[in-house]
Amino acid sequence: MFKDNHVHTTISHDGMSSMKEYLEVGNKMNVDEITFTEHYDIYDGLETNLKTLDVENYYNCYKNLKNETDTRINFGIEIGLQPDIVSRIKETVKKYPFDFIIGSSHITCKKDMAMDKTFFEGYSRKEAYLRYFNEVLENIKLYNEFDVYGHLDYVVRYGGYLEKKIEYDEFKDILDEILKLLILKDKGIEINTSGIRYGLGNPHPNIDILKRYKELGGKIMTVGSDAHKIEHLAKDFDIAFNILEDIGFNEITIFHERKPEFVKIKELRK
């Protein structure tokens, strides 16, 4: 049975399926545990119609559903980390009993790169990617309010470059610094299968980055579909398990009450 650790519903601005709809299809899709991770991004200083998540409403929806279902569901969140909003994130995290927190970089250098391509304008591919990774590193230094860093090579989706993969050797110095600091702070990364359905040929992050995390001693690895509709739930998890086992991971991580629990991949394949 699969345990999907990265799921968005209609509570997120880009979600297309409700919590109940995910639960209705879960058993059919061999999923026995879902961690909802709604988007929490702060848009101060950006020209956008998007609004920051109402966490109180989200929490109430989650609690109501939890009382109605026998399927294990977890209260997670995907927080868009930015260097200048640390105090606001700290306050939010203290206020709610999250099971799991993904830290991600969506808005980088005050640009939402998924919607604002000016993030890349005037920069070479390498320069743009380094802008992204340098802010990821700064976020890791500033924050303890996350459990894993999400889709670590997210930037490759949006630059419009022909090459859709981060070559590790090209960015080795900054990537090693990022991975070593995550490990030092007992933080993990996720293998996010959305990269496969986005046509990148790899999950997020790509296999080279996953291998290097393992080589450096990384142990905390969650598996998430980054689903935005029911068709994506646990999508390509068999591929993710094969990749992880080939690298040398025998376990994946699930978080409950912000505490990591390790589950053997072979048990999930039964």
C-alpha atoms as a PDB file:
ATOM      1  CA  MET A   1       0.000   0.000   0.000  1.00  0.00           C
ATOM      2  CA  PHE A   2       1.229   3.496  -0.849  1.00  0.00           C
ATOM      3  CA  LYS A   3       1.546   6.468   1.489  1.00  0.00           C
ATOM      4  CA  ASP A   4       1.409   9.748  -0.408  1.00  0.00           C
ATOM      5  CA  ASN A   5       3.166  12.574   1.427  1.00  0.00           C
ATOM      6  CA  HIS A   6       2.485  15.484  -0.927  1.00  0.00           C
ATOM      7  CA  VAL A   7      -1.140  16.099  -1.908  1.00  0.00           C
ATOM      8  CA  HIS A   8      -2.997  19.328  -2.784  1.00  0.00           C
ATOM      9  CA  THR A   9      -6.771  19.745  -2.757  1.00  0.00           C
ATOM     10  CA  THR A  10      -9.170  22.490  -3.822  1.00  0.00           C
ATOM     11  CA  ILE A  11      -8.117  24.315  -0.652  1.00  0.00           C
ATOM     12  CA  SER A  12      -4.887  25.150  -2.509  1.00  0.00           C
ATOM     13  CA  HIS A  13      -5.257  27.741  -5.254  1.00  0.00           C
ATOM     14  CA  ASP A  14      -4.261  25.224  -7.950  1.00  0.00           C
ATOM     15  CA  GLY A  15      -5.901  22.071  -6.571  1.00  0.00           C
ATOM     16  CA  MET A  16      -8.667  20.440  -8.593  1.00  0.00           C
ATOM     17  CA  SER A  17      -9.933  17.621  -6.344  1.00  0.00           C
ATOM     18  CA  SER A  18     -11.392  17.754  -2.846  1.00  0.00           C
ATOM     19  CA  MET A  19     -10.177  15.899   0.230  1.00  0.00           C
ATOM     20  CA  LYS A  20     -13.195  13.608   0.045  1.00  0.00           C
ATOM     21  CA  GLU A  21     -12.535  12.810  -3.605  1.00  0.00           C
ATOM     22  CA  TYR A  22      -9.000  11.679  -2.768  1.00  0.00           C
ATOM     23  CA  LEU A  23     -10.332   9.413  -0.039  1.00  0.00           C
ATOM     24  CA  GLU A  24     -12.962   7.971  -2.361  1.00  0.00           C
ATOM     25  CA  VAL A  25     -10.320   6.792  -4.841  1.00  0.00           C
ATOM     26  CA  GLY A  26      -7.560   5.989  -2.344  1.00  0.00           C
ATOM     27  CA  ASN A  27      -8.238   2.278  -1.909  1.00  0.00           C
ATOM     28  CA  LYS A  28      -8.710   1.802  -5.652  1.00  0.00           C
ATOM     29  CA  MET A  29      -5.278   3.346  -6.166  1.00  0.00           C
ATOM     30  CA  ASN A  30      -3.643   1.221  -3.439  1.00  0.00           C
ATOM     31  CA  VAL A  31      -3.222   4.225  -1.110  1.00  0.00           C
ATOM     32  CA  ASP A  32      -3.825   3.698   2.613  1.00  0.00           C
ATOM     33  CA  GLU A  33      -2.399   6.984   3.957  1.00  0.00           C
ATOM     34  CA  ILE A  34      -2.561  10.533   2.638  1.00  0.00           C
ATOM     35  CA  THR A  35      -0.754  13.594   3.939  1.00  0.00           C
ATOM     36  CA  PHE A  36      -2.452  16.754   2.718  1.00  0.00           C
ATOM     37  CA  THR A  37       0.074  19.537   2.107  1.00  0.00           C
ATOM     38  CA  GLU A  38      -1.760  22.667   1.014  1.00  0.00           C
ATOM     39  CA  HIS A  39       0.234  25.565  -0.415  1.00  0.00           C
ATOM     40  CA  TYR A  40       1.174  28.326   2.012  1.00  0.00           C
ATOM     41  CA  ASP A  41       2.916  31.117   0.110  1.00  0.00           C
ATOM     42  CA  ILE A  42       3.117  34.768   1.102  1.00  0.00           C
ATOM     43  CA  TYR A  43       2.759  37.112  -1.861  1.00  0.00           C
ATOM     44  CA  ASP A  44       3.842  40.427  -0.303  1.00  0.00           C
ATOM     45  CA  GLY A  45       5.433  42.657  -2.905  1.00  0.00           C
ATOM     46  CA  LEU A  46       4.199  40.619  -5.887  1.00  0.00           C
ATOM     47  CA  GLU A  47       1.594  41.604  -8.454  1.00  0.00           C
ATOM     48  CA  THR A  48      -0.758  38.646  -8.254  1.00  0.00           C
ATOM     49  CA  ASN A  49      -4.373  37.715  -7.614  1.00  0.00           C
ATOM     50  CA  LEU A  50      -3.296  34.739  -5.506  1.00  0.00           C
ATOM     51  CA  LYS A  51      -4.027  34.865  -1.791  1.00  0.00           C
ATOM     52  CA  THR A  52      -2.187  33.281   1.104  1.00  0.00           C
ATOM     53  CA  LEU A  53      -3.791  30.126   2.462  1.00  0.00           C
ATOM     54  CA  ASP A  54      -6.358  30.513   5.248  1.00  0.00           C
ATOM     55  CA  VAL A  55      -4.720  27.955   7.538  1.00  0.00           C
ATOM     56  CA  GLU A  56      -7.534  28.089  10.100  1.00  0.00           C
ATOM     57  CA  ASN A  57     -10.096  27.127   7.474  1.00  0.00           C
ATOM     58  CA  TYR A  58      -7.818  24.379   6.178  1.00  0.00           C
ATOM     59  CA  TYR A  59      -7.330  22.982   9.683  1.00  0.00           C
ATOM     60  CA  ASN A  60     -11.072  22.950  10.352  1.00  0.00           C
ATOM     61  CA  CYS A  61     -11.746  21.141   7.065  1.00  0.00           C
ATOM     62  CA  TYR A  62      -9.089  18.591   7.943  1.00  0.00           C
ATOM     63  CA  LYS A  63     -10.453  17.988  11.451  1.00  0.00           C
ATOM     64  CA  ASN A  64     -13.979  17.519  10.148  1.00  0.00           C
ATOM     65  CA  LEU A  65     -12.828  14.992   7.579  1.00  0.00           C
ATOM     66  CA  LYS A  66     -10.622  13.139  10.042  1.00  0.00           C
ATOM     67  CA  ASN A  67     -13.676  12.469  12.169  1.00  0.00           C
ATOM     68  CA  GLU A  68     -15.536  11.006   9.189  1.00  0.00           C
ATOM     69  CA  THR A  69     -12.993   8.576   7.736  1.00  0.00           C
ATOM     70  CA  ASP A  70     -11.150   5.424   8.748  1.00  0.00           C
ATOM     71  CA  THR A  71      -8.361   6.116   6.248  1.00  0.00           C
ATOM     72  CA  ARG A  72      -5.264   7.572   7.868  1.00  0.00           C
ATOM     73  CA  ILE A  73      -4.889  11.199   6.898  1.00  0.00           C
ATOM     74  CA  ASN A  74      -2.259  13.641   8.131  1.00  0.00           C
ATOM     75  CA  PHE A  75      -2.256  17.410   8.517  1.00  0.00           C
ATOM     76  CA  GLY A  76       0.632  18.714   6.461  1.00  0.00           C
ATOM     77  CA  ILE A  77       1.531  21.919   4.705  1.00  0.00           C
ATOM     78  CA  GLU A  78       3.877  23.055   1.944  1.00  0.00           C
ATOM     79  CA  ILE A  79       5.402  26.339   3.015  1.00  0.00           C
ATOM     80  CA  GLY A  80       6.988  28.611   0.458  1.00  0.00           C
ATOM     81  CA  LEU A  81      10.138  29.705   2.270  1.00  0.00           C
ATOM     82  CA  GLN A  82      11.535  33.187   1.676  1.00  0.00           C
ATOM     83  CA  PRO A  83      14.368  34.881   3.580  1.00  0.00           C
ATOM     84  CA  ASP A  84      12.314  37.913   4.671  1.00  0.00           C
ATOM     85  CA  ILE A  85       9.262  36.184   6.190  1.00  0.00           C
ATOM     86  CA  VAL A  86      10.889  34.025   8.867  1.00  0.00           C
ATOM     87  CA  SER A  87       8.943  35.467  11.806  1.00  0.00           C
ATOM     88  CA  ARG A  88       5.586  35.016  10.052  1.00  0.00           C
ATOM     89  CA  ILE A  89       6.359  31.392   9.238  1.00  0.00           C
ATOM     90  CA  LYS A  90       7.476  30.729  12.815  1.00  0.00           C
ATOM     91  CA  GLU A  91       4.174  32.112  14.146  1.00  0.00           C
ATOM     92  CA  THR A  92       2.097  29.963  11.805  1.00  0.00           C
ATOM     93  CA  VAL A  93       4.010  26.782  12.575  1.00  0.00           C
ATOM     94  CA  LYS A  94       3.683  27.354  16.328  1.00  0.00           C
ATOM     95  CA  LYS A  95      -0.073  27.855  16.052  1.00  0.00           C
ATOM     96  CA  TYR A  96      -1.072  24.572  14.393  1.00  0.00           C
ATOM     97  CA  PRO A  97      -0.368  20.873  15.086  1.00  0.00           C
ATOM     98  CA  PHE A  98       1.141  19.955  11.757  1.00  0.00           C
ATOM     99  CA  ASP A  99       2.175  16.360  11.149  1.00  0.00           C
ATOM    100  CA  PHE A 100       4.512  17.252   8.315  1.00  0.00           C
ATOM    101  CA  ILE A 101       5.980  20.385   6.769  1.00  0.00           C
ATOM    102  CA  ILE A 102       7.515  20.616   3.317  1.00  0.00           C
ATOM    103  CA  GLY A 103       9.722  23.638   2.804  1.00  0.00           C
ATOM    104  CA  SER A 104       9.819  24.756  -0.823  1.00  0.00           C
ATOM    105  CA  SER A 105      11.098  27.602  -2.947  1.00  0.00           C
ATOM    106  CA  HIS A 106       8.329  28.835  -5.240  1.00  0.00           C
ATOM    107  CA  ILE A 107       8.869  32.577  -4.886  1.00  0.00           C
ATOM    108  CA  THR A 108      12.588  33.205  -5.294  1.00  0.00           C
ATOM    109  CA  CYS A 109      14.226  36.629  -5.370  1.00  0.00           C
ATOM    110  CA  LYS A 110      10.664  37.948  -5.015  1.00  0.00           C
ATOM    111  CA  LYS A 111       9.637  36.318  -8.295  1.00  0.00           C
ATOM    112  CA  ASP A 112       7.089  33.519  -8.614  1.00  0.00           C
ATOM    113  CA  MET A 113       8.998  31.730 -11.345  1.00  0.00           C
ATOM    114  CA  ALA A 114       6.020  29.578 -12.370  1.00  0.00           C
ATOM    115  CA  MET A 115       4.142  32.717 -13.369  1.00  0.00           C
ATOM    116  CA  ASP A 116       6.786  35.395 -13.779  1.00  0.00           C
ATOM    117  CA  LYS A 117       9.446  34.535 -16.330  1.00  0.00           C
ATOM    118  CA  THR A 118      11.336  37.742 -15.594  1.00  0.00           C
ATOM    119  CA  PHE A 119      13.124  35.652 -12.940  1.00  0.00           C
ATOM    120  CA  PHE A 120      15.175  34.248 -15.829  1.00  0.00           C
ATOM    121  CA  GLU A 121      15.524  37.389 -17.959  1.00  0.00           C
ATOM    122  CA  GLY A 122      19.033  38.774 -18.310  1.00  0.00           C
ATOM    123  CA  TYR A 123      20.629  35.650 -16.843  1.00  0.00           C
ATOM    124  CA  SER A 124      22.254  32.638 -18.426  1.00  0.00           C
ATOM    125  CA  ARG A 125      20.829  29.240 -17.547  1.00  0.00           C
ATOM    126  CA  LYS A 126      23.622  28.647 -15.030  1.00  0.00           C
ATOM    127  CA  GLU A 127      23.236  32.097 -13.466  1.00  0.00           C
ATOM    128  CA  ALA A 128      19.471  31.678 -13.093  1.00  0.00           C
ATOM    129  CA  TYR A 129      19.829  28.267 -11.504  1.00  0.00           C
ATOM    130  CA  LEU A 130      22.492  29.587  -9.120  1.00  0.00           C
ATOM    131  CA  ARG A 131      20.144  32.409  -8.068  1.00  0.00           C
ATOM    132  CA  TYR A 132      17.604  29.761  -7.154  1.00  0.00           C
ATOM    133  CA  PHE A 133      20.016  27.445  -5.329  1.00  0.00           C
ATOM    134  CA  ASN A 134      21.641  30.287  -3.397  1.00  0.00           C
ATOM    135  CA  GLU A 135      18.250  31.297  -2.019  1.00  0.00           C
ATOM    136  CA  VAL A 136      17.436  27.661  -1.182  1.00  0.00           C
ATOM    137  CA  LEU A 137      20.666  27.535   0.813  1.00  0.00           C
ATOM    138  CA  GLU A 138      19.844  30.790   2.585  1.00  0.00           C
ATOM    139  CA  ASN A 139      16.402  29.441   3.515  1.00  0.00           C
ATOM    140  CA  ILE A 140      17.915  26.289   4.991  1.00  0.00           C
ATOM    141  CA  LYS A 141      20.240  28.425   7.104  1.00  0.00           C
ATOM    142  CA  LEU A 142      17.361  30.594   8.343  1.00  0.00           C
ATOM    143  CA  TYR A 143      14.616  28.040   8.980  1.00  0.00           C
ATOM    144  CA  ASN A 144      14.044  25.049  11.216  1.00  0.00           C
ATOM    145  CA  GLU A 145      10.295  25.096  10.490  1.00  0.00           C
ATOM    146  CA  PHE A 146      10.303  22.329   7.887  1.00  0.00           C
ATOM    147  CA  ASP A 147      10.945  18.576   7.755  1.00  0.00           C
ATOM    148  CA  VAL A 148      12.006  18.036   4.144  1.00  0.00           C
ATOM    149  CA  TYR A 149      12.881  20.362   1.277  1.00  0.00           C
ATOM    150  CA  GLY A 150      10.442  19.905  -1.584  1.00  0.00           C
ATOM    151  CA  HIS A 151      11.217  19.362  -5.287  1.00  0.00           C
ATOM    152  CA  LEU A 152      14.772  20.547  -4.773  1.00  0.00           C
ATOM    153  CA  ASP A 153      15.443  21.176  -8.476  1.00  0.00           C
ATOM    154  CA  TYR A 154      12.061  22.885  -9.054  1.00  0.00           C
ATOM    155  CA  VAL A 155      13.717  25.623 -11.107  1.00  0.00           C
ATOM    156  CA  VAL A 156      14.210  23.271 -14.093  1.00  0.00           C
ATOM    157  CA  ARG A 157      10.474  23.313 -14.851  1.00  0.00           C
ATOM    158  CA  TYR A 158      10.168  26.950 -15.764  1.00  0.00           C
ATOM    159  CA  GLY A 159      13.214  28.413 -17.489  1.00  0.00           C
ATOM    160  CA  GLY A 160      12.228  27.315 -20.968  1.00  0.00           C
ATOM    161  CA  TYR A 161      15.692  25.843 -21.578  1.00  0.00           C
ATOM    162  CA  LEU A 162      16.114  22.790 -23.795  1.00  0.00           C
ATOM    163  CA  GLU A 163      18.132  21.016 -21.114  1.00  0.00           C
ATOM    164  CA  LYS A 164      15.670  19.968 -18.395  1.00  0.00           C
ATOM    165  CA  LYS A 165      18.128  18.350 -16.032  1.00  0.00           C
ATOM    166  CA  ILE A 166      20.553  19.734 -13.482  1.00  0.00           C
ATOM    167  CA  GLU A 167      23.947  18.182 -14.155  1.00  0.00           C
ATOM    168  CA  TYR A 168      25.365  17.612 -10.693  1.00  0.00           C
ATOM    169  CA  ASP A 169      28.972  18.392 -11.574  1.00  0.00           C
ATOM    170  CA  GLU A 170      27.945  21.774 -12.979  1.00  0.00           C
ATOM    171  CA  PHE A 171      26.422  22.802  -9.626  1.00  0.00           C
ATOM    172  CA  LYS A 172      28.376  20.502  -7.318  1.00  0.00           C
ATOM    173  CA  ASP A 173      29.645  23.143  -4.898  1.00  0.00           C
ATOM    174  CA  ILE A 174      26.269  24.706  -4.107  1.00  0.00           C
ATOM    175  CA  LEU A 175      24.378  21.390  -4.153  1.00  0.00           C
ATOM    176  CA  ASP A 176      26.863  19.763  -1.784  1.00  0.00           C
ATOM    177  CA  GLU A 177      26.535  22.725   0.559  1.00  0.00           C
ATOM    178  CA  ILE A 178      22.730  22.434   0.460  1.00  0.00           C
ATOM    179  CA  LEU A 179      22.664  18.672   1.038  1.00  0.00           C
ATOM    180  CA  LYS A 180      25.290  18.725   3.784  1.00  0.00           C
ATOM    181  CA  LEU A 181      23.425  21.440   5.665  1.00  0.00           C
ATOM    182  CA  LEU A 182      20.117  19.572   5.371  1.00  0.00           C
ATOM    183  CA  ILE A 183      21.764  16.461   6.794  1.00  0.00           C
ATOM    184  CA  LEU A 184      23.465  18.459   9.575  1.00  0.00           C
ATOM    185  CA  LYS A 185      20.089  19.908  10.582  1.00  0.00           C
ATOM    186  CA  ASP A 186      18.358  16.477  10.454  1.00  0.00           C
ATOM    187  CA  LYS A 187      16.222  17.564   7.518  1.00  0.00           C
ATOM    188  CA  GLY A 188      15.330  15.392   4.569  1.00  0.00           C
ATOM    189  CA  ILE A 189      14.372  15.706   0.941  1.00  0.00           C
ATOM    190  CA  GLU A 190      11.501  14.249  -0.995  1.00  0.00           C
ATOM    191  CA  ILE A 191      11.388  12.227  -4.162  1.00  0.00           C
ATOM    192  CA  ASN A 192       8.587  14.040  -5.928  1.00  0.00           C
ATOM    193  CA  THR A 193       7.168  12.054  -8.815  1.00  0.00           C
ATOM    194  CA  SER A 194       5.595  15.065 -10.535  1.00  0.00           C
ATOM    195  CA  GLY A 195       8.801  15.567 -12.513  1.00  0.00           C
ATOM    196  CA  ILE A 196       7.983  12.412 -14.444  1.00  0.00           C
ATOM    197  CA  ARG A 197       4.531  13.568 -15.491  1.00  0.00           C
ATOM    198  CA  TYR A 198       5.905  17.033 -16.302  1.00  0.00           C
ATOM    199  CA  GLY A 199       8.023  15.319 -18.952  1.00  0.00           C
ATOM    200  CA  LEU A 200      11.373  15.989 -17.299  1.00  0.00           C
ATOM    201  CA  GLY A 201      12.450  12.353 -17.549  1.00  0.00           C
ATOM    202  CA  ASN A 202      13.217  12.311 -13.818  1.00  0.00           C
ATOM    203  CA  PRO A 203      11.455  12.848 -10.528  1.00  0.00           C
ATOM    204  CA  HIS A 204      12.299  15.940  -8.484  1.00  0.00           C
ATOM    205  CA  PRO A 205      15.132  16.073  -7.669  1.00  0.00           C
ATOM    206  CA  ASN A 206      16.839  14.097 -10.385  1.00  0.00           C
ATOM    207  CA  ILE A 207      18.638  10.831  -9.706  1.00  0.00           C
ATOM    208  CA  ASP A 208      22.116  12.385  -9.475  1.00  0.00           C
ATOM    209  CA  ILE A 209      20.994  14.633  -6.608  1.00  0.00           C
ATOM    210  CA  LEU A 210      19.253  11.718  -4.868  1.00  0.00           C
ATOM    211  CA  LYS A 211      22.435   9.641  -5.158  1.00  0.00           C
ATOM    212  CA  ARG A 212      24.578  12.403  -3.741  1.00  0.00           C
ATOM    213  CA  TYR A 213      22.223  12.863  -0.776  1.00  0.00           C
ATOM    214  CA  LYS A 214      22.641   9.165  -0.030  1.00  0.00           C
ATOM    215  CA  GLU A 215      26.443   9.309  -0.456  1.00  0.00           C
ATOM    216  CA  LEU A 216      26.669  12.183   2.020  1.00  0.00           C
ATOM    217  CA  GLY A 217      24.747  10.204   4.644  1.00  0.00           C
ATOM    218  CA  GLY A 218      21.205  11.431   4.076  1.00  0.00           C
ATOM    219  CA  LYS A 219      18.509   9.151   5.483  1.00  0.00           C
ATOM    220  CA  ILE A 220      15.215  11.072   5.515  1.00  0.00           C
ATOM    221  CA  MET A 221      13.413  10.518   2.220  1.00  0.00           C
ATOM    222  CA  THR A 222       9.694  11.037   1.751  1.00  0.00           C
ATOM    223  CA  VAL A 223       7.766  10.049  -1.370  1.00  0.00           C
ATOM    224  CA  GLY A 224       5.102  12.364  -2.738  1.00  0.00           C
ATOM    225  CA  SER A 225       3.121  12.717  -5.920  1.00  0.00           C
ATOM    226  CA  ASP A 226       2.556  16.486  -5.600  1.00  0.00           C
ATOM    227  CA  ALA A 227      -0.974  15.589  -6.691  1.00  0.00           C
ATOM    228  CA  HIS A 228      -3.342  18.381  -7.661  1.00  0.00           C
ATOM    229  CA  LYS A 229      -6.139  16.044  -8.783  1.00  0.00           C
ATOM    230  CA  ILE A 230      -7.141  12.480  -8.023  1.00  0.00           C
ATOM    231  CA  GLU A 231      -5.505  11.071 -11.163  1.00  0.00           C
ATOM    232  CA  HIS A 232      -2.111  12.080  -9.747  1.00  0.00           C
ATOM    233  CA  LEU A 233      -2.471  10.349  -6.366  1.00  0.00           C
ATOM    234  CA  ALA A 234       0.540   8.038  -5.808  1.00  0.00           C
ATOM    235  CA  LYS A 235       1.340   8.393  -9.509  1.00  0.00           C
ATOM    236  CA  ASP A 236       4.600   6.637 -10.521  1.00  0.00           C
ATOM    237  CA  PHE A 237       5.385   5.466  -6.974  1.00  0.00           C
ATOM    238  CA  ASP A 238       6.648   2.129  -8.303  1.00  0.00           C
ATOM    239  CA  ILE A 239       9.180   4.049 -10.396  1.00  0.00           C
ATOM    240  CA  ALA A 240      10.205   6.073  -7.335  1.00  0.00           C
ATOM    241  CA  PHE A 241      10.673   2.907  -5.251  1.00  0.00           C
ATOM    242  CA  ASN A 242      12.818   1.343  -7.978  1.00  0.00           C
ATOM    243  CA  ILE A 243      15.010   4.452  -8.136  1.00  0.00           C
ATOM    244  CA  LEU A 244      15.441   4.574  -4.374  1.00  0.00           C
ATOM    245  CA  GLU A 245      16.300   0.881  -4.091  1.00  0.00           C
ATOM    246  CA  ASP A 246      18.807   1.169  -6.941  1.00  0.00           C
ATOM    247  CA  ILE A 247      20.503   4.022  -5.062  1.00  0.00           C
ATOM    248  CA  GLY A 248      20.579   2.025  -1.834  1.00  0.00           C
ATOM    249  CA  PHE A 249      17.571   3.280   0.123  1.00  0.00           C
ATOM    250  CA  ASN A 250      15.642   0.444   1.756  1.00  0.00           C
ATOM    251  CA  GLU A 251      13.267   2.705   3.681  1.00  0.00           C
ATOM    252  CA  ILE A 252      11.144   5.766   3.117  1.00  0.00           C
ATOM    253  CA  THR A 253       9.999   8.233   5.760  1.00  0.00           C
ATOM    254  CA  ILE A 254       6.535   9.144   7.017  1.00  0.00           C
ATOM    255  CA  PHE A 255       5.955  12.004   9.452  1.00  0.00           C
ATOM    256  CA  HIS A 256       3.406  12.038  12.254  1.00  0.00           C
ATOM    257  CA  GLU A 257       3.392  14.953  14.698  1.00  0.00           C
ATOM    258  CA  ARG A 258       6.614  16.161  13.011  1.00  0.00           C
ATOM    259  CA  LYS A 259       8.410  12.954  13.996  1.00  0.00           C
ATOM    260  CA  PRO A 260       9.980  10.731  11.316  1.00  0.00           C
ATOM    261  CA  GLU A 261       8.973   7.087  11.084  1.00  0.00           C
ATOM    262  CA  PHE A 262      10.776   4.713   8.726  1.00  0.00           C
ATOM    263  CA  VAL A 263       8.956   2.153   6.603  1.00  0.00           C
ATOM    264  CA  LYS A 264      10.616  -0.585   4.545  1.00  0.00           C
ATOM    265  CA  ILE A 265      10.005  -0.191   0.839  1.00  0.00           C
ATOM    266  CA  LYS A 266       9.500  -3.937   0.494  1.00  0.00           C
ATOM    267  CA  GLU A 267       6.596  -3.684   2.955  1.00  0.00           C
ATOM    268  CA  LEU A 268       4.948  -1.035   0.806  1.00  0.00           C
ATOM    269  CA  ARG A 269       5.223  -3.232  -2.280  1.00  0.00           C
ATOM    270  CA  LYS A 270       3.068  -5.986  -0.760  1.00  0.00           C
END
